[in-house]
Amino acid sequence: MANDGEFQEQVRQLGKLIAQFDELPDGATKTAARDLVQLLMDVHGRGLERVMEIVFDSGDSGQKIIDRLGQDSIVGNLLLLYSLHPDGLEARIQSALDRMRPRLRKLACTIELENVQEGAVQVRLATSGHSCGSSTKDLRSIVEDGMFEFAPDVTSLEILGLEEPTPAGFVTLESLLGHQFVGADSSGRVLEREGGD
């Protein structure tokens, strides 16, 4: 039985092979290979669709099985590949956000869905300013990984409110005095920028 890590590695390898295939020069062999892969996808898709119909038609237990299949990390991704996933994009996005919230809460952050439009997602991340040393990069990684785990078919992800905060404990002299300094003259006198107090 394949585990999630093996499956994810196979998906990555598949992506690499597709990229290599796309770089091949056009010709009869490439066209035949593309037709073969498309036919294989069509046959598998039709078979999976029929399996889903049979399970669904088996009554209340069928719907529970379909829901469970959609929640499985391997089967769920396969169902997405064939556009057969039982949950719509917005439901999967909400599941991703729900899964991320406890981890982000530990980092003094909250996340909310702002907008979903044709697969493009906007979320808003809010920090209390005391995010336990988490960098913008770390927070971005948590959100991106969490979103793409549940909704790999998202076409773009924009994270609003994710700006690098000023380092805690450091306050610039200019912000305290209300004007900027540009340096000192040869006698050591501090020079202010024009327009200063």
N, C-alpha and C. Protein backbone atom coordinates (compact mmCIF):
# COMPACT_ATOMS: atom_id res chain seq x y z
N MET A 1 0.85 -1.18 0.00
CA MET A 1 0.00 0.00 0.00
C MET A 1 0.89 1.24 0.00
N ALA A 2 0.65 2.17 -0.92
CA ALA A 2 1.47 3.38 -1.05
C ALA A 2 1.16 4.34 0.09
N ASN A 3 2.21 5.01 0.58
CA ASN A 3 1.98 6.04 1.59
C ASN A 3 1.98 7.41 0.91
N ASP A 4 1.61 8.43 1.68
CA ASP A 4 1.49 9.78 1.12
C ASP A 4 2.80 10.28 0.53
N GLY A 5 3.91 10.02 1.22
CA GLY A 5 5.21 10.49 0.74
C GLY A 5 5.58 9.89 -0.60
N GLU A 6 5.36 8.58 -0.73
CA GLU A 6 5.65 7.91 -2.01
C GLU A 6 4.77 8.46 -3.12
N PHE A 7 3.50 8.67 -2.79
CA PHE A 7 2.56 9.19 -3.79
C PHE A 7 2.97 10.59 -4.25
N GLN A 8 3.32 11.45 -3.29
CA GLN A 8 3.73 12.82 -3.64
C GLN A 8 5.00 12.79 -4.50
N GLU A 9 5.91 11.87 -4.20
CA GLU A 9 7.13 11.75 -5.02
C GLU A 9 6.78 11.28 -6.43
N GLN A 10 5.83 10.37 -6.55
CA GLN A 10 5.40 9.91 -7.87
C GLN A 10 4.76 11.05 -8.66
N VAL A 11 3.98 11.88 -7.99
CA VAL A 11 3.35 13.02 -8.66
C VAL A 11 4.42 13.99 -9.14
N ARG A 12 5.45 14.25 -8.30
CA ARG A 12 6.55 15.13 -8.71
C ARG A 12 7.28 14.56 -9.92
N GLN A 13 7.55 13.25 -9.88
CA GLN A 13 8.23 12.59 -10.99
C GLN A 13 7.38 12.68 -12.26
N LEU A 14 6.09 12.49 -12.12
CA LEU A 14 5.19 12.60 -13.27
C LEU A 14 5.27 14.00 -13.88
N GLY A 15 5.28 15.02 -13.02
CA GLY A 15 5.40 16.40 -13.50
C GLY A 15 6.70 16.63 -14.26
N LYS A 16 7.80 16.06 -13.74
CA LYS A 16 9.09 16.20 -14.43
C LYS A 16 9.07 15.53 -15.80
N LEU A 17 8.49 14.33 -15.84
CA LEU A 17 8.42 13.61 -17.11
C LEU A 17 7.55 14.34 -18.14
N ILE A 18 6.46 14.93 -17.68
CA ILE A 18 5.60 15.70 -18.58
C ILE A 18 6.36 16.90 -19.13
N ALA A 19 7.12 17.57 -18.26
CA ALA A 19 7.91 18.73 -18.71
C ALA A 19 8.95 18.30 -19.74
N GLN A 20 9.60 17.16 -19.50
CA GLN A 20 10.58 16.64 -20.46
C GLN A 20 9.90 16.27 -21.78
N PHE A 21 8.74 15.66 -21.69
CA PHE A 21 8.00 15.27 -22.89
C PHE A 21 7.63 16.50 -23.72
N ASP A 22 7.18 17.55 -23.04
CA ASP A 22 6.78 18.79 -23.75
C ASP A 22 7.95 19.43 -24.49
N GLU A 23 9.18 19.17 -24.03
CA GLU A 23 10.36 19.75 -24.67
C GLU A 23 10.81 18.97 -25.91
N LEU A 24 10.27 17.77 -26.10
CA LEU A 24 10.63 16.97 -27.27
C LEU A 24 10.17 17.67 -28.55
N PRO A 25 10.91 17.48 -29.64
CA PRO A 25 10.48 18.09 -30.90
C PRO A 25 9.17 17.45 -31.38
N ASP A 26 8.35 18.27 -32.04
CA ASP A 26 7.09 17.76 -32.57
C ASP A 26 7.37 16.74 -33.67
N GLY A 27 6.48 15.80 -33.79
CA GLY A 27 6.63 14.76 -34.80
C GLY A 27 5.58 13.69 -34.58
N ALA A 28 5.61 12.68 -35.43
CA ALA A 28 4.62 11.61 -35.37
C ALA A 28 4.70 10.83 -34.06
N THR A 29 5.92 10.59 -33.57
CA THR A 29 6.08 9.84 -32.33
C THR A 29 5.52 10.61 -31.14
N LYS A 30 5.79 11.89 -31.09
CA LYS A 30 5.28 12.71 -29.99
C LYS A 30 3.76 12.78 -30.04
N THR A 31 3.19 12.92 -31.23
CA THR A 31 1.74 12.97 -31.38
C THR A 31 1.12 11.65 -30.94
N ALA A 32 1.71 10.51 -31.35
CA ALA A 32 1.19 9.20 -30.96
C ALA A 32 1.27 9.00 -29.45
N ALA A 33 2.38 9.42 -28.83
CA ALA A 33 2.54 9.30 -27.38
C ALA A 33 1.51 10.16 -26.65
N ARG A 34 1.29 11.38 -27.14
CA ARG A 34 0.30 12.27 -26.52
C ARG A 34 -1.10 11.66 -26.64
N ASP A 35 -1.43 11.10 -27.80
CA ASP A 35 -2.74 10.46 -28.00
C ASP A 35 -2.90 9.25 -27.08
N LEU A 36 -1.80 8.48 -26.91
CA LEU A 36 -1.84 7.32 -26.03
C LEU A 36 -2.13 7.73 -24.59
N VAL A 37 -1.42 8.75 -24.10
CA VAL A 37 -1.63 9.22 -22.73
C VAL A 37 -3.05 9.76 -22.57
N GLN A 38 -3.54 10.51 -23.56
CA GLN A 38 -4.89 11.06 -23.46
C GLN A 38 -5.94 9.94 -23.45
N LEU A 39 -5.75 8.93 -24.28
CA LEU A 39 -6.68 7.80 -24.31
C LEU A 39 -6.66 7.06 -22.97
N LEU A 40 -5.47 6.85 -22.42
CA LEU A 40 -5.34 6.20 -21.12
C LEU A 40 -6.06 7.02 -20.04
N MET A 41 -5.88 8.33 -20.05
CA MET A 41 -6.56 9.21 -19.09
C MET A 41 -8.08 9.10 -19.27
N ASP A 42 -8.55 9.09 -20.51
CA ASP A 42 -10.00 9.00 -20.77
C ASP A 42 -10.57 7.68 -20.26
N VAL A 43 -9.87 6.58 -20.51
CA VAL A 43 -10.33 5.26 -20.06
C VAL A 43 -10.36 5.21 -18.53
N HIS A 44 -9.28 5.64 -17.89
CA HIS A 44 -9.24 5.65 -16.42
C HIS A 44 -10.31 6.58 -15.86
N GLY A 45 -10.47 7.73 -16.45
CA GLY A 45 -11.48 8.68 -15.99
C GLY A 45 -12.88 8.12 -16.08
N ARG A 46 -13.18 7.47 -17.19
CA ARG A 46 -14.51 6.88 -17.36
C ARG A 46 -14.72 5.76 -16.33
N GLY A 47 -13.69 4.95 -16.10
CA GLY A 47 -13.80 3.88 -15.11
C GLY A 47 -14.00 4.42 -13.70
N LEU A 48 -13.23 5.43 -13.32
CA LEU A 48 -13.39 6.04 -11.99
C LEU A 48 -14.77 6.68 -11.83
N GLU A 49 -15.23 7.33 -12.88
CA GLU A 49 -16.56 7.95 -12.82
C GLU A 49 -17.63 6.89 -12.58
N ARG A 50 -17.50 5.75 -13.25
CA ARG A 50 -18.47 4.67 -13.07
C ARG A 50 -18.39 4.11 -11.66
N VAL A 51 -17.18 3.94 -11.12
CA VAL A 51 -17.03 3.47 -9.74
C VAL A 51 -17.74 4.43 -8.79
N MET A 52 -17.55 5.72 -8.98
CA MET A 52 -18.19 6.71 -8.12
C MET A 52 -19.72 6.64 -8.22
N GLU A 53 -20.24 6.42 -9.42
CA GLU A 53 -21.69 6.29 -9.61
C GLU A 53 -22.23 5.07 -8.88
N ILE A 54 -21.53 3.94 -8.98
CA ILE A 54 -21.97 2.71 -8.31
C ILE A 54 -21.96 2.90 -6.80
N VAL A 55 -20.91 3.48 -6.28
CA VAL A 55 -20.83 3.73 -4.83
C VAL A 55 -21.94 4.68 -4.40
N PHE A 56 -22.15 5.76 -5.16
CA PHE A 56 -23.18 6.74 -4.81
C PHE A 56 -24.57 6.10 -4.81
N ASP A 57 -24.84 5.24 -5.79
CA ASP A 57 -26.16 4.60 -5.91
C ASP A 57 -26.42 3.55 -4.85
N SER A 58 -25.46 3.26 -3.99
CA SER A 58 -25.64 2.24 -2.96
C SER A 58 -26.29 2.78 -1.70
N GLY A 59 -26.82 3.98 -1.74
CA GLY A 59 -27.57 4.53 -0.61
C GLY A 59 -26.75 5.42 0.29
N ASP A 60 -27.23 5.55 1.54
CA ASP A 60 -26.58 6.44 2.51
C ASP A 60 -25.12 6.08 2.74
N SER A 61 -24.83 4.81 2.80
CA SER A 61 -23.44 4.40 3.03
C SER A 61 -22.56 4.80 1.84
N GLY A 62 -23.15 4.84 0.64
CA GLY A 62 -22.40 5.24 -0.55
C GLY A 62 -21.89 6.67 -0.45
N GLN A 63 -22.74 7.58 0.01
CA GLN A 63 -22.33 8.97 0.15
C GLN A 63 -21.23 9.12 1.19
N LYS A 64 -21.32 8.34 2.26
CA LYS A 64 -20.28 8.38 3.29
C LYS A 64 -18.95 7.89 2.73
N ILE A 65 -19.01 6.84 1.91
CA ILE A 65 -17.79 6.31 1.29
C ILE A 65 -17.19 7.33 0.35
N ILE A 66 -18.03 7.98 -0.45
CA ILE A 66 -17.53 9.01 -1.38
C ILE A 66 -16.88 10.15 -0.61
N ASP A 67 -17.51 10.58 0.48
CA ASP A 67 -16.91 11.64 1.30
C ASP A 67 -15.56 11.20 1.85
N ARG A 68 -15.49 9.96 2.29
CA ARG A 68 -14.23 9.45 2.84
C ARG A 68 -13.16 9.37 1.75
N LEU A 69 -13.55 8.94 0.55
CA LEU A 69 -12.60 8.89 -0.56
C LEU A 69 -12.07 10.29 -0.88
N GLY A 70 -12.95 11.29 -0.85
CA GLY A 70 -12.53 12.66 -1.12
C GLY A 70 -11.58 13.21 -0.08
N GLN A 71 -11.68 12.72 1.16
CA GLN A 71 -10.82 13.21 2.23
C GLN A 71 -9.47 12.50 2.27
N ASP A 72 -9.36 11.36 1.60
CA ASP A 72 -8.10 10.64 1.56
C ASP A 72 -7.10 11.41 0.69
N SER A 73 -5.88 11.57 1.20
CA SER A 73 -4.91 12.41 0.48
C SER A 73 -4.54 11.84 -0.89
N ILE A 74 -4.49 10.53 -1.04
CA ILE A 74 -4.12 9.94 -2.33
C ILE A 74 -5.34 9.87 -3.25
N VAL A 75 -6.42 9.27 -2.78
CA VAL A 75 -7.61 9.12 -3.63
C VAL A 75 -8.21 10.48 -3.96
N GLY A 76 -8.23 11.38 -2.98
CA GLY A 76 -8.77 12.72 -3.22
C GLY A 76 -8.05 13.44 -4.35
N ASN A 77 -6.72 13.34 -4.37
CA ASN A 77 -5.95 13.98 -5.46
C ASN A 77 -6.21 13.31 -6.80
N LEU A 78 -6.39 12.00 -6.79
CA LEU A 78 -6.72 11.29 -8.02
C LEU A 78 -8.10 11.72 -8.53
N LEU A 79 -9.05 11.87 -7.62
CA LEU A 79 -10.38 12.33 -8.02
C LEU A 79 -10.33 13.76 -8.58
N LEU A 80 -9.47 14.58 -8.00
CA LEU A 80 -9.29 15.94 -8.54
C LEU A 80 -8.75 15.90 -9.96
N LEU A 81 -7.79 15.02 -10.20
CA LEU A 81 -7.19 14.90 -11.52
C LEU A 81 -8.24 14.62 -12.59
N TYR A 82 -9.26 13.85 -12.21
CA TYR A 82 -10.31 13.49 -13.16
C TYR A 82 -11.59 14.31 -12.97
N SER A 83 -11.51 15.40 -12.22
CA SER A 83 -12.66 16.28 -11.95
C SER A 83 -13.83 15.52 -11.34
N LEU A 84 -13.54 14.60 -10.43
CA LEU A 84 -14.57 13.79 -9.78
C LEU A 84 -14.63 14.00 -8.27
N HIS A 85 -13.88 14.94 -7.75
CA HIS A 85 -13.84 15.14 -6.30
C HIS A 85 -15.23 15.55 -5.80
N PRO A 86 -15.68 14.95 -4.68
CA PRO A 86 -17.03 15.27 -4.19
C PRO A 86 -17.19 16.69 -3.64
N ASP A 87 -16.10 17.32 -3.24
CA ASP A 87 -16.18 18.67 -2.69
C ASP A 87 -15.77 19.69 -3.74
N GLY A 88 -16.49 20.80 -3.79
CA GLY A 88 -16.14 21.88 -4.69
C GLY A 88 -14.90 22.62 -4.20
N LEU A 89 -14.38 23.49 -5.05
CA LEU A 89 -13.15 24.22 -4.73
C LEU A 89 -13.29 25.02 -3.44
N GLU A 90 -14.38 25.78 -3.29
CA GLU A 90 -14.52 26.62 -2.09
C GLU A 90 -14.59 25.80 -0.82
N ALA A 91 -15.24 24.64 -0.86
CA ALA A 91 -15.32 23.77 0.32
C ALA A 91 -13.93 23.26 0.68
N ARG A 92 -13.12 22.90 -0.33
CA ARG A 92 -11.78 22.42 -0.06
C ARG A 92 -10.87 23.54 0.45
N ILE A 93 -11.10 24.75 -0.04
CA ILE A 93 -10.34 25.91 0.46
C ILE A 93 -10.67 26.14 1.93
N GLN A 94 -11.96 26.07 2.28
CA GLN A 94 -12.35 26.24 3.68
C GLN A 94 -11.75 25.15 4.56
N SER A 95 -11.71 23.91 4.04
CA SER A 95 -11.08 22.81 4.79
C SER A 95 -9.60 23.10 5.03
N ALA A 96 -8.94 23.64 4.01
CA ALA A 96 -7.53 23.99 4.15
C ALA A 96 -7.34 25.05 5.23
N LEU A 97 -8.18 26.08 5.20
CA LEU A 97 -8.08 27.15 6.20
C LEU A 97 -8.35 26.60 7.60
N ASP A 98 -9.37 25.74 7.72
CA ASP A 98 -9.69 25.15 9.03
C ASP A 98 -8.52 24.32 9.55
N ARG A 99 -7.83 23.62 8.66
CA ARG A 99 -6.70 22.79 9.07
C ARG A 99 -5.51 23.66 9.50
N MET A 100 -5.34 24.83 8.84
CA MET A 100 -4.20 25.72 9.15
C MET A 100 -4.39 26.51 10.44
N ARG A 101 -5.63 26.84 10.77
CA ARG A 101 -5.90 27.78 11.86
C ARG A 101 -5.23 27.41 13.19
N PRO A 102 -5.32 26.18 13.66
CA PRO A 102 -4.67 25.89 14.95
C PRO A 102 -3.16 26.14 14.93
N ARG A 103 -2.51 25.77 13.85
CA ARG A 103 -1.05 25.99 13.75
C ARG A 103 -0.74 27.49 13.72
N LEU A 104 -1.52 28.24 12.94
CA LEU A 104 -1.30 29.69 12.86
C LEU A 104 -1.64 30.37 14.18
N ARG A 105 -2.65 29.88 14.88
CA ARG A 105 -3.04 30.46 16.17
C ARG A 105 -1.89 30.35 17.16
N LYS A 106 -1.14 29.23 17.12
CA LYS A 106 0.02 29.06 17.99
C LYS A 106 1.10 30.09 17.68
N LEU A 107 1.07 30.63 16.47
CA LEU A 107 2.05 31.64 16.05
C LEU A 107 1.46 33.05 16.14
N ALA A 108 0.32 33.18 16.85
CA ALA A 108 -0.37 34.46 17.04
C ALA A 108 -0.85 35.06 15.73
N CYS A 109 -1.35 34.20 14.83
CA CYS A 109 -1.85 34.64 13.53
C CYS A 109 -3.26 34.12 13.31
N THR A 110 -4.00 34.85 12.50
CA THR A 110 -5.31 34.39 12.05
C THR A 110 -5.33 34.45 10.53
N ILE A 111 -6.22 33.66 9.93
CA ILE A 111 -6.34 33.65 8.47
C ILE A 111 -7.81 33.60 8.10
N GLU A 112 -8.17 34.38 7.08
CA GLU A 112 -9.55 34.42 6.60
C GLU A 112 -9.54 34.43 5.08
N LEU A 113 -10.58 33.85 4.51
CA LEU A 113 -10.75 33.86 3.06
C LEU A 113 -11.30 35.21 2.64
N GLU A 114 -10.64 35.87 1.71
CA GLU A 114 -11.10 37.16 1.19
C GLU A 114 -11.91 36.99 -0.08
N ASN A 115 -11.40 36.16 -1.02
CA ASN A 115 -12.04 36.07 -2.32
C ASN A 115 -11.60 34.81 -3.05
N VAL A 116 -12.53 34.25 -3.83
CA VAL A 116 -12.22 33.15 -4.74
C VAL A 116 -12.88 33.50 -6.06
N GLN A 117 -12.09 33.55 -7.11
CA GLN A 117 -12.62 33.90 -8.42
C GLN A 117 -11.90 33.09 -9.49
N GLU A 118 -12.63 32.19 -10.13
CA GLU A 118 -12.09 31.36 -11.20
C GLU A 118 -10.79 30.67 -10.80
N GLY A 119 -10.76 30.13 -9.59
CA GLY A 119 -9.58 29.41 -9.12
C GLY A 119 -8.52 30.27 -8.47
N ALA A 120 -8.62 31.58 -8.59
CA ALA A 120 -7.66 32.50 -7.94
C ALA A 120 -8.16 32.79 -6.52
N VAL A 121 -7.29 32.59 -5.55
CA VAL A 121 -7.68 32.71 -4.14
C VAL A 121 -6.92 33.84 -3.48
N GLN A 122 -7.65 34.62 -2.68
CA GLN A 122 -7.04 35.65 -1.83
C GLN A 122 -7.39 35.32 -0.39
N VAL A 123 -6.37 35.27 0.45
CA VAL A 123 -6.59 35.09 1.88
C VAL A 123 -5.91 36.25 2.60
N ARG A 124 -6.42 36.55 3.79
CA ARG A 124 -5.82 37.61 4.60
C ARG A 124 -5.24 36.98 5.86
N LEU A 125 -3.96 37.24 6.07
CA LEU A 125 -3.25 36.76 7.25
C LEU A 125 -3.04 37.95 8.17
N ALA A 126 -3.45 37.81 9.41
CA ALA A 126 -3.26 38.88 10.39
C ALA A 126 -2.40 38.36 11.53
N THR A 127 -1.40 39.13 11.89
CA THR A 127 -0.54 38.76 13.00
C THR A 127 -0.72 39.77 14.13
N SER A 128 -0.50 39.30 15.35
CA SER A 128 -0.63 40.20 16.49
C SER A 128 0.63 41.01 16.69
N GLY A 129 1.64 40.76 15.86
CA GLY A 129 2.92 41.45 16.03
C GLY A 129 3.87 40.66 16.90
N HIS A 130 3.36 39.62 17.53
CA HIS A 130 4.19 38.76 18.38
C HIS A 130 4.10 37.34 17.86
N SER A 131 4.50 37.13 16.63
CA SER A 131 4.30 35.82 16.00
C SER A 131 5.43 34.85 16.32
N CYS A 132 5.91 34.87 17.54
CA CYS A 132 6.87 33.88 18.06
C CYS A 132 8.08 33.69 17.16
N GLY A 133 8.58 34.74 16.58
CA GLY A 133 9.78 34.65 15.77
C GLY A 133 9.55 34.07 14.38
N SER A 134 8.32 33.85 14.01
CA SER A 134 8.05 33.30 12.68
C SER A 134 8.30 34.36 11.64
N SER A 135 9.02 33.99 10.61
CA SER A 135 9.30 34.93 9.54
C SER A 135 8.17 34.92 8.53
N THR A 136 8.18 35.92 7.70
CA THR A 136 7.21 36.00 6.61
C THR A 136 7.33 34.76 5.74
N LYS A 137 8.55 34.32 5.52
CA LYS A 137 8.80 33.12 4.70
C LYS A 137 8.14 31.89 5.33
N ASP A 138 8.27 31.73 6.65
CA ASP A 138 7.67 30.59 7.35
C ASP A 138 6.15 30.62 7.25
N LEU A 139 5.58 31.80 7.49
CA LEU A 139 4.13 31.93 7.43
C LEU A 139 3.61 31.67 6.02
N ARG A 140 4.31 32.21 5.02
CA ARG A 140 3.93 31.97 3.62
C ARG A 140 3.96 30.47 3.31
N SER A 141 4.98 29.79 3.78
CA SER A 141 5.13 28.36 3.54
C SER A 141 3.97 27.58 4.18
N ILE A 142 3.61 27.92 5.40
CA ILE A 142 2.50 27.25 6.08
C ILE A 142 1.21 27.41 5.28
N VAL A 143 0.94 28.64 4.83
CA VAL A 143 -0.30 28.91 4.09
C VAL A 143 -0.28 28.22 2.73
N GLU A 144 0.81 28.34 2.00
CA GLU A 144 0.87 27.74 0.66
C GLU A 144 0.77 26.22 0.75
N ASP A 145 1.54 25.61 1.63
CA ASP A 145 1.51 24.15 1.76
C ASP A 145 0.13 23.67 2.18
N GLY A 146 -0.46 24.36 3.14
CA GLY A 146 -1.79 23.98 3.60
C GLY A 146 -2.85 24.11 2.53
N MET A 147 -2.77 25.17 1.74
CA MET A 147 -3.76 25.40 0.69
C MET A 147 -3.62 24.36 -0.41
N PHE A 148 -2.41 24.14 -0.86
CA PHE A 148 -2.21 23.24 -1.99
C PHE A 148 -2.39 21.77 -1.62
N GLU A 149 -2.35 21.46 -0.32
CA GLU A 149 -2.65 20.09 0.11
C GLU A 149 -4.11 19.76 -0.15
N PHE A 150 -5.01 20.71 0.15
CA PHE A 150 -6.44 20.47 0.00
C PHE A 150 -6.98 20.93 -1.35
N ALA A 151 -6.33 21.91 -1.94
CA ALA A 151 -6.85 22.48 -3.19
C ALA A 151 -5.72 22.69 -4.19
N PRO A 152 -5.12 21.61 -4.69
CA PRO A 152 -4.01 21.76 -5.63
C PRO A 152 -4.42 22.37 -6.95
N ASP A 153 -5.72 22.44 -7.19
CA ASP A 153 -6.22 23.02 -8.43
C ASP A 153 -6.42 24.53 -8.35
N VAL A 154 -6.02 25.16 -7.24
CA VAL A 154 -6.03 26.62 -7.14
C VAL A 154 -5.07 27.16 -8.19
N THR A 155 -5.53 28.14 -8.97
CA THR A 155 -4.67 28.68 -10.03
C THR A 155 -3.68 29.71 -9.53
N SER A 156 -4.04 30.45 -8.48
CA SER A 156 -3.11 31.39 -7.86
C SER A 156 -3.54 31.62 -6.42
N LEU A 157 -2.57 31.97 -5.59
CA LEU A 157 -2.82 32.22 -4.18
C LEU A 157 -2.14 33.52 -3.80
N GLU A 158 -2.95 34.49 -3.37
CA GLU A 158 -2.42 35.77 -2.90
C GLU A 158 -2.66 35.86 -1.40
N ILE A 159 -1.59 36.13 -0.66
CA ILE A 159 -1.67 36.23 0.80
C ILE A 159 -1.56 37.70 1.17
N LEU A 160 -2.67 38.28 1.57
CA LEU A 160 -2.71 39.69 1.95
C LEU A 160 -2.29 39.83 3.41
N GLY A 161 -1.68 40.96 3.75
CA GLY A 161 -1.29 41.23 5.12
C GLY A 161 -0.01 40.55 5.54
N LEU A 162 0.74 40.07 4.57
CA LEU A 162 1.97 39.34 4.89
C LEU A 162 3.17 40.23 4.57
N GLU A 163 3.39 41.21 5.44
CA GLU A 163 4.54 42.09 5.28
C GLU A 163 5.55 41.74 6.35
N GLU A 164 6.81 41.93 6.02
CA GLU A 164 7.88 41.67 6.99
C GLU A 164 7.80 42.73 8.08
N PRO A 165 7.56 42.35 9.34
CA PRO A 165 7.46 43.34 10.41
C PRO A 165 8.82 43.92 10.77
N THR A 166 8.79 45.10 11.38
CA THR A 166 10.02 45.70 11.90
C THR A 166 10.52 44.84 13.04
N PRO A 167 11.80 44.57 13.11
CA PRO A 167 12.30 43.72 14.19
C PRO A 167 11.88 44.25 15.55
N ALA A 168 11.41 43.38 16.40
CA ALA A 168 10.93 43.76 17.73
C ALA A 168 12.08 44.33 18.54
N GLY A 169 11.80 45.40 19.28
CA GLY A 169 12.81 46.00 20.15
C GLY A 169 13.67 47.04 19.47
N PHE A 170 13.61 47.16 18.15
CA PHE A 170 14.42 48.13 17.44
C PHE A 170 13.54 49.28 16.98
N VAL A 171 13.86 50.47 17.42
CA VAL A 171 13.13 51.67 17.03
C VAL A 171 14.15 52.65 16.46
N THR A 172 13.89 53.13 15.25
CA THR A 172 14.85 54.06 14.65
C THR A 172 14.81 55.40 15.36
N LEU A 173 15.95 56.08 15.38
CA LEU A 173 16.05 57.40 15.99
C LEU A 173 15.11 58.38 15.28
N GLU A 174 15.03 58.25 13.96
CA GLU A 174 14.16 59.15 13.19
C GLU A 174 12.71 59.03 13.62
N SER A 175 12.25 57.79 13.91
CA SER A 175 10.85 57.64 14.30
C SER A 175 10.60 58.23 15.68
N LEU A 176 11.60 58.22 16.55
CA LEU A 176 11.44 58.81 17.88
C LEU A 176 11.41 60.33 17.82
N LEU A 177 12.28 60.92 16.98
CA LEU A 177 12.40 62.37 16.94
C LEU A 177 11.51 63.02 15.89
N GLY A 178 10.97 62.21 14.99
CA GLY A 178 10.05 62.76 14.00
C GLY A 178 10.71 63.36 12.77
N HIS A 179 12.02 63.22 12.61
CA HIS A 179 12.67 63.69 11.39
C HIS A 179 13.90 62.83 11.11
N GLN A 180 14.40 62.94 9.89
CA GLN A 180 15.51 62.10 9.47
C GLN A 180 16.82 62.87 9.51
N PHE A 181 17.86 62.15 9.84
CA PHE A 181 19.20 62.71 9.84
C PHE A 181 19.92 62.20 8.60
N VAL A 182 20.76 63.03 8.02
CA VAL A 182 21.50 62.62 6.82
C VAL A 182 22.99 62.43 7.11
N GLY A 183 23.44 62.72 8.30
CA GLY A 183 24.85 62.53 8.61
C GLY A 183 25.37 63.65 9.49
N ALA A 184 26.70 63.78 9.50
CA ALA A 184 27.34 64.82 10.31
C ALA A 184 28.31 65.57 9.41
N ASP A 185 28.50 66.89 9.74
CA ASP A 185 29.47 67.65 8.95
C ASP A 185 30.87 67.41 9.52
N SER A 186 31.87 68.10 8.98
CA SER A 186 33.26 67.85 9.38
C SER A 186 33.53 68.19 10.84
N SER A 187 32.70 69.03 11.46
CA SER A 187 32.90 69.37 12.87
C SER A 187 32.16 68.41 13.80
N GLY A 188 31.39 67.46 13.20
CA GLY A 188 30.69 66.49 14.03
C GLY A 188 29.26 66.89 14.32
N ARG A 189 28.82 68.06 13.80
CA ARG A 189 27.44 68.48 14.01
C ARG A 189 26.50 67.60 13.19
N VAL A 190 25.37 67.19 13.80
CA VAL A 190 24.40 66.34 13.11
C VAL A 190 23.62 67.20 12.11
N LEU A 191 23.51 66.69 10.88
CA LEU A 191 22.75 67.38 9.83
C LEU A 191 21.40 66.71 9.66
N GLU A 192 20.33 67.55 9.62
CA GLU A 192 18.99 67.03 9.40
C GLU A 192 18.65 67.16 7.94
N ARG A 193 17.75 66.28 7.46
CA ARG A 193 17.25 66.38 6.10
C ARG A 193 16.39 67.64 5.99
N GLU A 194 16.41 68.28 4.84
CA GLU A 194 15.59 69.48 4.65
C GLU A 194 14.14 69.16 4.92
N GLY A 195 13.45 70.08 5.53
CA GLY A 195 12.05 69.90 5.87
C GLY A 195 11.89 69.34 7.27
N GLY A 196 13.00 69.05 7.96
CA GLY A 196 12.95 68.54 9.34
C GLY A 196 12.63 69.66 10.29
N ASP A 197 12.41 69.34 11.57
CA ASP A 197 12.06 70.35 12.58
C ASP A 197 13.19 71.25 12.90
